C-alpha atoms as a PDB file:
ATOM      1  CA  MET A   1      24.084  27.641  26.397  1.00  0.00           C
ATOM      2  CA  ASP A   2      24.432  24.672  24.117  1.00  0.00           C
ATOM      3  CA  ILE A   3      25.865  25.511  20.693  1.00  0.00           C
ATOM      4  CA  PHE A   4      23.087  23.507  19.049  1.00  0.00           C
ATOM      5  CA  ASP A   5      20.468  25.617  20.838  1.00  0.00           C
ATOM      6  CA  LEU A   6      22.163  28.715  19.479  1.00  0.00           C
ATOM      7  CA  ILE A   7      22.090  27.300  15.952  1.00  0.00           C
ATOM      8  CA  GLU A   8      18.359  26.632  16.380  1.00  0.00           C
ATOM      9  CA  LYS A   9      17.866  30.276  17.361  1.00  0.00           C
ATOM     10  CA  PHE A  10      19.684  31.331  14.190  1.00  0.00           C
ATOM     11  CA  LYS A  11      17.378  29.075  12.158  1.00  0.00           C
ATOM     12  CA  HIS A  12      14.289  30.682  13.668  1.00  0.00           C
ATOM     13  CA  LYS A  13      15.665  34.188  13.104  1.00  0.00           C
ATOM     14  CA  PHE A  14      16.438  33.369   9.473  1.00  0.00           C
ATOM     15  CA  GLU A  15      12.913  31.975   8.987  1.00  0.00           C
ATOM     16  CA  GLN A  16      11.447  35.290  10.111  1.00  0.00           C
ATOM     17  CA  LEU A  17      13.320  37.248   7.459  1.00  0.00           C
ATOM     18  CA  ASP A  18      11.640  38.106   4.177  1.00  0.00           C
ATOM     19  CA  VAL A  19      14.428  37.503   1.676  1.00  0.00           C
ATOM     20  CA  SER A  20      14.919  36.205  -1.843  1.00  0.00           C
ATOM     21  CA  TYR A  21      15.150  32.507  -2.599  1.00  0.00           C
ATOM     22  CA  LEU A  22      18.887  32.770  -3.244  1.00  0.00           C
ATOM     23  CA  ARG A  23      19.397  34.415   0.150  1.00  0.00           C
ATOM     24  CA  GLU A  24      17.367  31.611   1.787  1.00  0.00           C
ATOM     25  CA  LEU A  25      19.693  29.064   0.202  1.00  0.00           C
ATOM     26  CA  GLN A  26      22.728  30.966   1.453  1.00  0.00           C
ATOM     27  CA  GLN A  27      21.270  31.056   4.958  1.00  0.00           C
ATOM     28  CA  GLU A  28      20.611  27.324   4.831  1.00  0.00           C
ATOM     29  CA  ILE A  29      24.229  26.737   3.819  1.00  0.00           C
ATOM     30  CA  ILE A  30      25.363  28.865   6.763  1.00  0.00           C
ATOM     31  CA  ILE A  31      23.255  26.765   9.148  1.00  0.00           C
ATOM     32  CA  LEU A  32      24.527  23.496   7.665  1.00  0.00           C
ATOM     33  CA  ASN A  33      28.133  24.657   7.967  1.00  0.00           C
ATOM     34  CA  LEU A  34      27.572  25.739  11.573  1.00  0.00           C
ATOM     35  CA  GLU A  35      26.055  22.358  12.403  1.00  0.00           C
ATOM     36  CA  LYS A  36      28.904  20.538  10.687  1.00  0.00           C
ATOM     37  CA  TYR A  37      31.468  22.600  12.582  1.00  0.00           C
ATOM     38  CA  ALA A  38      29.673  22.050  15.909  1.00  0.00           C
ATOM     39  CA  TRP A  39      29.549  18.270  15.397  1.00  0.00           C
ATOM     40  CA  SER A  40      33.232  18.210  14.422  1.00  0.00           C
ATOM     41  CA  LEU A  41      34.176  20.256  17.454  1.00  0.00           C
ATOM     42  CA  GLN A  42      32.091  18.051  19.729  1.00  0.00           C
ATOM     43  CA  ASN A  43      33.731  14.902  18.333  1.00  0.00           C
ATOM     44  CA  TYR A  44      37.189  16.434  18.729  1.00  0.00           C
ATOM     45  CA  ILE A  45      36.513  17.297  22.375  1.00  0.00           C
ATOM     46  CA  ILE A  46      35.133  13.820  23.098  1.00  0.00           C
ATOM     47  CA  GLU A  47      38.143  12.129  21.486  1.00  0.00           C
ATOM     48  CA  LYS A  48      40.639  14.396  23.219  1.00  0.00           C
ATOM     49  CA  TYR A  49      39.282  13.866  26.709  1.00  0.00           C
ATOM     50  CA  SER A  50      38.365  10.198  26.353  1.00  0.00           C
ATOM     51  CA  GLU A  51      42.022   9.299  25.708  1.00  0.00           C
ATOM     52  CA  LYS A  52      42.999  10.239  29.261  1.00  0.00           C
END
């Protein structure tokens, strides 16, 4: 499973929750951080294996 697909599933699960506005913001920050981490990891892997 692609990590970005998993992040999308988290987004959809979060959207189904009935939570306060502050909690929605916190969930959005979680998603943004996950996406940022996934892109960084992907770039690291590409750089590491493209050197060889």
